[in-house]
Amino acid sequence: MGKVGKETWRRVMAMLGDDIPEERLDLARMYCEAVEAAHECAMILKKEGRVIHQRGKPAKAHPTVRSHLHYQQQAARWAQALGIYAGAVSKDKKVPNGTSASLDY
């Protein structure tokens, strides 16, 4: 792991505590690797841009855009599995009980 992965590892280990089962260590490693890969993709996109322009051809997305999204999604999945994900959660789509609010038009 590189610098970003190691920094992420230290943060994750501080959140998870000392008594961590082996399976969770593997999840933590995969999370840190995904975070680092997403960071590397972000640096490439920052340097080269998100769009490729070629003479006589329409502009197209840089191939790294797709990789960046993939690694971000992987990191989010591993973080959720570890219990350290603070992102959006799916809402309960049931119809609420009772009457709806009165409309004043």
N, C-alpha and C. Protein backbone atom coordinates (compact mmCIF):
# COMPACT_ATOMS: atom_id res chain seq x y z
N MET A 1 0.84 -1.19 0.00
CA MET A 1 0.00 0.00 0.00
C MET A 1 0.88 1.24 0.00
N GLY A 2 0.36 2.26 -0.62
CA GLY A 2 1.07 3.52 -0.67
C GLY A 2 0.69 4.41 0.50
N LYS A 3 1.05 5.67 0.39
CA LYS A 3 0.84 6.64 1.47
C LYS A 3 -0.64 6.79 1.84
N VAL A 4 -1.50 6.97 0.85
CA VAL A 4 -2.93 7.16 1.10
C VAL A 4 -3.53 5.91 1.75
N GLY A 5 -3.16 4.74 1.24
CA GLY A 5 -3.66 3.48 1.80
C GLY A 5 -3.24 3.30 3.25
N LYS A 6 -1.99 3.63 3.55
CA LYS A 6 -1.49 3.48 4.92
C LYS A 6 -2.17 4.47 5.87
N GLU A 7 -2.39 5.69 5.42
CA GLU A 7 -3.10 6.68 6.25
C GLU A 7 -4.53 6.21 6.52
N THR A 8 -5.16 5.68 5.49
CA THR A 8 -6.53 5.17 5.64
C THR A 8 -6.54 3.99 6.60
N TRP A 9 -5.54 3.11 6.49
CA TRP A 9 -5.44 1.95 7.39
C TRP A 9 -5.36 2.40 8.85
N ARG A 10 -4.54 3.40 9.12
CA ARG A 10 -4.41 3.89 10.50
C ARG A 10 -5.73 4.44 11.02
N ARG A 11 -6.44 5.20 10.18
CA ARG A 11 -7.75 5.74 10.59
C ARG A 11 -8.76 4.63 10.85
N VAL A 12 -8.79 3.64 9.95
CA VAL A 12 -9.75 2.54 10.10
C VAL A 12 -9.45 1.73 11.35
N MET A 13 -8.19 1.44 11.59
CA MET A 13 -7.82 0.66 12.77
C MET A 13 -8.18 1.41 14.06
N ALA A 14 -8.03 2.73 14.04
CA ALA A 14 -8.41 3.53 15.21
C ALA A 14 -9.92 3.46 15.44
N MET A 15 -10.70 3.41 14.35
CA MET A 15 -12.17 3.33 14.48
C MET A 15 -12.62 1.95 14.94
N LEU A 16 -11.96 0.90 14.46
CA LEU A 16 -12.41 -0.46 14.75
C LEU A 16 -11.94 -0.98 16.10
N GLY A 17 -10.89 -0.41 16.64
CA GLY A 17 -10.40 -0.85 17.95
C GLY A 17 -9.35 -1.95 17.84
N ASP A 18 -9.03 -2.54 19.00
CA ASP A 18 -7.93 -3.50 19.07
C ASP A 18 -8.33 -4.94 18.76
N ASP A 19 -9.51 -5.34 19.16
CA ASP A 19 -9.93 -6.74 19.05
C ASP A 19 -10.69 -6.97 17.74
N ILE A 20 -9.95 -7.13 16.64
CA ILE A 20 -10.57 -7.23 15.32
C ILE A 20 -10.41 -8.66 14.79
N PRO A 21 -11.53 -9.31 14.40
CA PRO A 21 -11.43 -10.64 13.81
C PRO A 21 -10.68 -10.60 12.47
N GLU A 22 -10.12 -11.74 12.09
CA GLU A 22 -9.32 -11.84 10.86
C GLU A 22 -10.11 -11.43 9.61
N GLU A 23 -11.40 -11.82 9.55
CA GLU A 23 -12.22 -11.48 8.38
C GLU A 23 -12.34 -9.98 8.21
N ARG A 24 -12.48 -9.28 9.31
CA ARG A 24 -12.62 -7.82 9.24
C ARG A 24 -11.30 -7.16 8.84
N LEU A 25 -10.18 -7.78 9.19
CA LEU A 25 -8.89 -7.25 8.75
C LEU A 25 -8.78 -7.31 7.23
N ASP A 26 -9.27 -8.41 6.65
CA ASP A 26 -9.27 -8.52 5.18
C ASP A 26 -10.16 -7.46 4.56
N LEU A 27 -11.35 -7.24 5.14
CA LEU A 27 -12.25 -6.19 4.65
C LEU A 27 -11.58 -4.82 4.75
N ALA A 28 -10.90 -4.58 5.88
CA ALA A 28 -10.23 -3.29 6.08
C ALA A 28 -9.13 -3.10 5.04
N ARG A 29 -8.38 -4.17 4.75
CA ARG A 29 -7.32 -4.09 3.73
C ARG A 29 -7.92 -3.77 2.37
N MET A 30 -9.01 -4.46 2.01
CA MET A 30 -9.64 -4.21 0.71
C MET A 30 -10.19 -2.79 0.64
N TYR A 31 -10.74 -2.30 1.74
CA TYR A 31 -11.24 -0.92 1.79
C TYR A 31 -10.10 0.06 1.54
N CYS A 32 -8.99 -0.13 2.24
CA CYS A 32 -7.85 0.79 2.10
C CYS A 32 -7.27 0.75 0.69
N GLU A 33 -7.21 -0.44 0.10
CA GLU A 33 -6.71 -0.55 -1.27
C GLU A 33 -7.65 0.15 -2.26
N ALA A 34 -8.95 0.03 -2.05
CA ALA A 34 -9.92 0.70 -2.93
C ALA A 34 -9.83 2.21 -2.79
N VAL A 35 -9.66 2.70 -1.56
CA VAL A 35 -9.52 4.14 -1.33
C VAL A 35 -8.27 4.65 -2.03
N GLU A 36 -7.18 3.91 -1.90
CA GLU A 36 -5.94 4.33 -2.55
C GLU A 36 -6.06 4.32 -4.07
N ALA A 37 -6.68 3.29 -4.63
CA ALA A 37 -6.86 3.21 -6.08
C ALA A 37 -7.74 4.36 -6.58
N ALA A 38 -8.80 4.68 -5.83
CA ALA A 38 -9.66 5.81 -6.21
C ALA A 38 -8.87 7.11 -6.17
N HIS A 39 -8.01 7.25 -5.17
CA HIS A 39 -7.19 8.45 -5.06
C HIS A 39 -6.22 8.56 -6.25
N GLU A 40 -5.61 7.45 -6.63
CA GLU A 40 -4.69 7.46 -7.78
C GLU A 40 -5.43 7.84 -9.06
N CYS A 41 -6.64 7.30 -9.23
CA CYS A 41 -7.45 7.66 -10.40
C CYS A 41 -7.77 9.15 -10.38
N ALA A 42 -8.10 9.67 -9.21
CA ALA A 42 -8.43 11.10 -9.09
C ALA A 42 -7.23 11.96 -9.47
N MET A 43 -6.03 11.53 -9.09
CA MET A 43 -4.82 12.29 -9.44
C MET A 43 -4.57 12.26 -10.95
N ILE A 44 -4.82 11.12 -11.58
CA ILE A 44 -4.66 11.03 -13.04
C ILE A 44 -5.65 11.97 -13.72
N LEU A 45 -6.91 11.95 -13.26
CA LEU A 45 -7.93 12.81 -13.86
C LEU A 45 -7.64 14.28 -13.63
N LYS A 46 -7.07 14.60 -12.48
CA LYS A 46 -6.71 16.00 -12.20
C LYS A 46 -5.63 16.47 -13.17
N LYS A 47 -4.69 15.58 -13.45
CA LYS A 47 -3.57 15.93 -14.32
C LYS A 47 -3.98 15.95 -15.80
N GLU A 48 -4.74 14.93 -16.23
CA GLU A 48 -5.03 14.77 -17.66
C GLU A 48 -6.41 15.29 -18.07
N GLY A 49 -7.27 15.54 -17.10
CA GLY A 49 -8.63 15.99 -17.42
C GLY A 49 -9.59 14.83 -17.54
N ARG A 50 -10.87 15.13 -17.42
CA ARG A 50 -11.90 14.10 -17.45
C ARG A 50 -12.39 13.79 -18.87
N VAL A 51 -11.99 14.61 -19.83
CA VAL A 51 -12.46 14.46 -21.21
C VAL A 51 -11.25 14.38 -22.14
N ILE A 52 -11.34 13.49 -23.12
CA ILE A 52 -10.28 13.36 -24.13
C ILE A 52 -10.78 14.01 -25.41
N HIS A 53 -9.99 14.93 -25.94
CA HIS A 53 -10.32 15.61 -27.19
C HIS A 53 -9.35 15.13 -28.26
N GLN A 54 -9.89 14.63 -29.37
CA GLN A 54 -9.06 14.21 -30.49
C GLN A 54 -9.52 14.96 -31.74
N ARG A 55 -8.56 15.36 -32.52
CA ARG A 55 -8.87 16.14 -33.73
C ARG A 55 -9.79 15.33 -34.66
N GLY A 56 -10.89 15.96 -35.05
CA GLY A 56 -11.82 15.34 -35.98
C GLY A 56 -12.75 14.31 -35.37
N LYS A 57 -12.67 14.12 -34.07
CA LYS A 57 -13.54 13.14 -33.41
C LYS A 57 -14.26 13.82 -32.25
N PRO A 58 -15.43 13.31 -31.89
CA PRO A 58 -16.13 13.91 -30.75
C PRO A 58 -15.38 13.65 -29.44
N ALA A 59 -15.55 14.56 -28.51
CA ALA A 59 -14.91 14.40 -27.20
C ALA A 59 -15.50 13.17 -26.50
N LYS A 60 -14.67 12.49 -25.72
CA LYS A 60 -15.17 11.34 -24.97
C LYS A 60 -14.57 11.35 -23.56
N ALA A 61 -15.24 10.65 -22.67
CA ALA A 61 -14.78 10.60 -21.28
C ALA A 61 -13.45 9.85 -21.20
N HIS A 62 -12.59 10.32 -20.32
CA HIS A 62 -11.31 9.66 -20.06
C HIS A 62 -11.62 8.27 -19.50
N PRO A 63 -10.91 7.22 -19.92
CA PRO A 63 -11.19 5.86 -19.41
C PRO A 63 -11.05 5.75 -17.89
N THR A 64 -10.25 6.59 -17.31
CA THR A 64 -10.03 6.53 -15.87
C THR A 64 -11.26 6.99 -15.09
N VAL A 65 -12.16 7.73 -15.72
CA VAL A 65 -13.39 8.16 -15.04
C VAL A 65 -14.15 6.94 -14.56
N ARG A 66 -14.26 5.95 -15.43
CA ARG A 66 -14.98 4.72 -15.08
C ARG A 66 -14.28 3.96 -13.95
N SER A 67 -12.96 3.88 -14.02
CA SER A 67 -12.20 3.20 -12.96
C SER A 67 -12.36 3.91 -11.63
N HIS A 68 -12.33 5.24 -11.67
CA HIS A 68 -12.48 6.04 -10.46
C HIS A 68 -13.82 5.74 -9.79
N LEU A 69 -14.88 5.74 -10.57
CA LEU A 69 -16.20 5.44 -10.04
C LEU A 69 -16.25 4.03 -9.46
N HIS A 70 -15.65 3.07 -10.15
CA HIS A 70 -15.63 1.69 -9.68
C HIS A 70 -14.96 1.58 -8.31
N TYR A 71 -13.79 2.18 -8.18
CA TYR A 71 -13.07 2.10 -6.90
C TYR A 71 -13.80 2.82 -5.78
N GLN A 72 -14.45 3.93 -6.10
CA GLN A 72 -15.25 4.63 -5.08
C GLN A 72 -16.40 3.75 -4.61
N GLN A 73 -17.06 3.08 -5.54
CA GLN A 73 -18.17 2.19 -5.18
C GLN A 73 -17.67 1.02 -4.35
N GLN A 74 -16.53 0.45 -4.72
CA GLN A 74 -15.96 -0.64 -3.94
C GLN A 74 -15.63 -0.19 -2.52
N ALA A 75 -15.02 0.98 -2.41
CA ALA A 75 -14.67 1.50 -1.09
C ALA A 75 -15.93 1.69 -0.25
N ALA A 76 -16.99 2.20 -0.86
CA ALA A 76 -18.25 2.40 -0.12
C ALA A 76 -18.82 1.07 0.35
N ARG A 77 -18.76 0.04 -0.50
CA ARG A 77 -19.27 -1.29 -0.10
C ARG A 77 -18.47 -1.87 1.06
N TRP A 78 -17.14 -1.77 0.96
CA TRP A 78 -16.31 -2.32 2.04
C TRP A 78 -16.50 -1.53 3.32
N ALA A 79 -16.64 -0.22 3.21
CA ALA A 79 -16.87 0.61 4.40
C ALA A 79 -18.19 0.23 5.06
N GLN A 80 -19.20 0.00 4.25
CA GLN A 80 -20.50 -0.40 4.80
C GLN A 80 -20.39 -1.76 5.49
N ALA A 81 -19.66 -2.69 4.89
CA ALA A 81 -19.47 -4.01 5.49
C ALA A 81 -18.70 -3.91 6.81
N LEU A 82 -17.80 -2.94 6.90
CA LEU A 82 -17.03 -2.74 8.13
C LEU A 82 -17.82 -1.98 9.19
N GLY A 83 -18.90 -1.33 8.78
CA GLY A 83 -19.69 -0.54 9.72
C GLY A 83 -19.15 0.85 9.93
N ILE A 84 -18.36 1.35 8.98
CA ILE A 84 -17.79 2.69 9.12
C ILE A 84 -18.32 3.64 8.06
N TYR A 85 -19.36 3.23 7.35
CA TYR A 85 -19.91 4.02 6.25
C TYR A 85 -20.93 5.00 6.80
N ALA A 86 -20.74 6.27 6.51
CA ALA A 86 -21.65 7.30 7.01
C ALA A 86 -22.43 7.95 5.87
N GLY A 87 -22.56 7.26 4.77
CA GLY A 87 -23.25 7.82 3.61
C GLY A 87 -24.75 7.63 3.69
N ALA A 88 -25.39 7.82 2.56
CA ALA A 88 -26.84 7.71 2.49
C ALA A 88 -27.27 6.26 2.68
N VAL A 89 -28.39 6.09 3.31
CA VAL A 89 -28.98 4.76 3.47
C VAL A 89 -30.34 4.76 2.78
N SER A 90 -30.77 3.59 2.35
CA SER A 90 -32.05 3.53 1.64
C SER A 90 -33.19 3.87 2.59
N LYS A 91 -34.15 4.59 2.05
CA LYS A 91 -35.29 5.02 2.85
C LYS A 91 -36.36 3.94 2.82
N ASP A 92 -37.15 3.91 3.89
CA ASP A 92 -38.29 3.01 3.94
C ASP A 92 -39.36 3.58 3.02
N LYS A 93 -39.77 2.83 2.02
CA LYS A 93 -40.69 3.36 1.02
C LYS A 93 -42.14 3.01 1.30
N LYS A 94 -42.45 2.67 2.54
CA LYS A 94 -43.83 2.36 2.89
C LYS A 94 -44.65 3.64 2.93
N VAL A 95 -45.93 3.49 2.67
CA VAL A 95 -46.84 4.63 2.73
C VAL A 95 -47.08 4.95 4.20
N PRO A 96 -46.96 6.22 4.59
CA PRO A 96 -47.16 6.57 6.00
C PRO A 96 -48.60 6.35 6.43
N ASN A 97 -48.78 6.04 7.70
CA ASN A 97 -50.12 5.86 8.26
C ASN A 97 -50.77 7.20 8.50
N GLY A 98 -52.08 7.23 8.48
CA GLY A 98 -52.80 8.46 8.79
C GLY A 98 -53.03 9.30 7.56
N THR A 99 -53.59 10.46 7.80
CA THR A 99 -53.90 11.36 6.69
C THR A 99 -52.69 12.21 6.34
N SER A 100 -52.70 12.69 5.12
CA SER A 100 -51.60 13.55 4.69
C SER A 100 -51.84 14.97 5.21
N ALA A 101 -50.84 15.79 5.11
CA ALA A 101 -50.96 17.18 5.57
C ALA A 101 -52.01 17.91 4.73
N SER A 102 -52.69 18.83 5.36
CA SER A 102 -53.72 19.57 4.63
C SER A 102 -53.06 20.55 3.66
N LEU A 103 -53.68 20.71 2.53
CA LEU A 103 -53.15 21.62 1.52
C LEU A 103 -53.89 22.94 1.60
N ASP A 104 -53.15 24.02 1.48
CA ASP A 104 -53.81 25.33 1.57
C ASP A 104 -53.62 26.11 0.27
N TYR A 105 -54.29 25.68 -0.76
CA TYR A 105 -54.25 26.46 -1.95
C TYR A 105 -55.52 27.13 -2.19
